[in-house]
Amino acid sequence: MFARRKRKKLTYDSENKVPSIRASICTGEKVAGFRDLRTGAFEEIMLIRGADDLAEFRELYGITGEIEKKY
């Protein structure tokens, strides 16, 4: 009756961008996104509040490998 809608898998430019988590040392806030390999610019995608949000980020973009973490 109350089924979740299926989400489309989103894509990203895997040749020029790397999945990354930016974490604050002071507050502990974590943001998932993609870091551009050429410029180093970070594109924020979603706030990570817990393991569920991280799993959702991985599922949305089909990420299976390790995600780098920057402080």
Protein backbone atom coordinates (compact mmCIF):
# COMPACT_ATOMS: atom_id res chain seq x y z
CA MET A 1 0.00 0.00 0.00
CA PHE A 2 2.67 2.52 0.96
CA ALA A 3 5.50 1.34 -1.24
CA ARG A 4 8.56 3.47 -1.83
CA ARG A 5 9.05 4.89 -5.25
CA LYS A 6 11.94 3.42 -7.17
CA ARG A 7 14.67 5.98 -7.63
CA LYS A 8 16.54 6.33 -10.85
CA LYS A 9 20.23 5.66 -10.61
CA LEU A 10 22.06 8.90 -11.11
CA THR A 11 25.39 9.15 -12.87
CA TYR A 12 28.50 11.22 -12.43
CA ASP A 13 31.61 11.85 -14.52
CA SER A 14 33.81 9.07 -13.11
CA GLU A 15 36.81 10.11 -15.23
CA ASN A 16 36.96 13.64 -13.80
CA LYS A 17 35.22 13.32 -10.42
CA VAL A 18 35.78 11.15 -7.35
CA PRO A 19 33.14 10.37 -4.68
CA SER A 20 34.18 12.03 -1.45
CA ILE A 21 32.92 12.85 2.04
CA ARG A 22 33.79 16.23 3.51
CA ALA A 23 33.74 16.13 7.31
CA SER A 24 34.08 18.98 9.78
CA ILE A 25 36.58 18.45 12.58
CA CYS A 26 34.74 20.82 14.93
CA THR A 27 31.09 19.87 14.49
CA GLY A 28 31.36 16.39 12.99
CA GLU A 29 29.03 17.34 10.14
CA LYS A 30 29.50 15.15 7.06
CA VAL A 31 28.54 16.01 3.48
CA ALA A 32 28.73 13.54 0.59
CA GLY A 33 29.56 14.73 -2.89
CA PHE A 34 32.13 14.65 -5.65
CA ARG A 35 35.59 16.22 -5.86
CA ASP A 36 36.80 17.37 -9.27
CA LEU A 37 40.22 15.86 -9.99
CA ARG A 38 41.41 18.80 -12.09
CA THR A 39 40.30 21.76 -9.98
CA GLY A 40 39.80 20.17 -6.56
CA ALA A 41 36.36 21.79 -6.29
CA PHE A 42 33.84 19.94 -4.15
CA GLU A 43 30.23 19.50 -5.35
CA GLU A 44 27.89 18.88 -2.40
CA ILE A 45 25.14 16.31 -2.98
CA MET A 46 23.64 15.39 0.38
CA LEU A 47 24.08 15.66 4.13
CA ILE A 48 25.14 12.43 5.85
CA ARG A 49 23.45 12.00 9.24
CA GLY A 50 24.10 8.29 9.66
CA ALA A 51 24.81 4.97 8.00
CA ASP A 52 21.42 5.00 6.25
CA ASP A 53 22.20 8.24 4.42
CA LEU A 54 25.60 6.95 3.34
CA ALA A 55 24.00 3.74 2.04
CA GLU A 56 21.44 5.81 0.13
CA PHE A 57 24.22 7.93 -1.44
CA ARG A 58 26.08 4.77 -2.53
CA GLU A 59 22.89 3.23 -3.95
CA LEU A 60 21.85 6.40 -5.77
CA TYR A 61 25.12 6.66 -7.69
CA GLY A 62 26.08 2.96 -7.80
CA ILE A 63 29.26 3.44 -5.75
CA THR A 64 30.75 0.17 -4.57
CA GLY A 65 34.33 1.06 -3.71
CA GLU A 66 35.93 3.11 -0.97
CA ILE A 67 34.87 6.75 -0.57
CA GLU A 68 37.63 9.18 0.35
CA LYS A 69 37.15 11.37 3.41
CA LYS A 70 38.53 14.92 3.63
CA TYR A 71 38.67 17.01 6.78
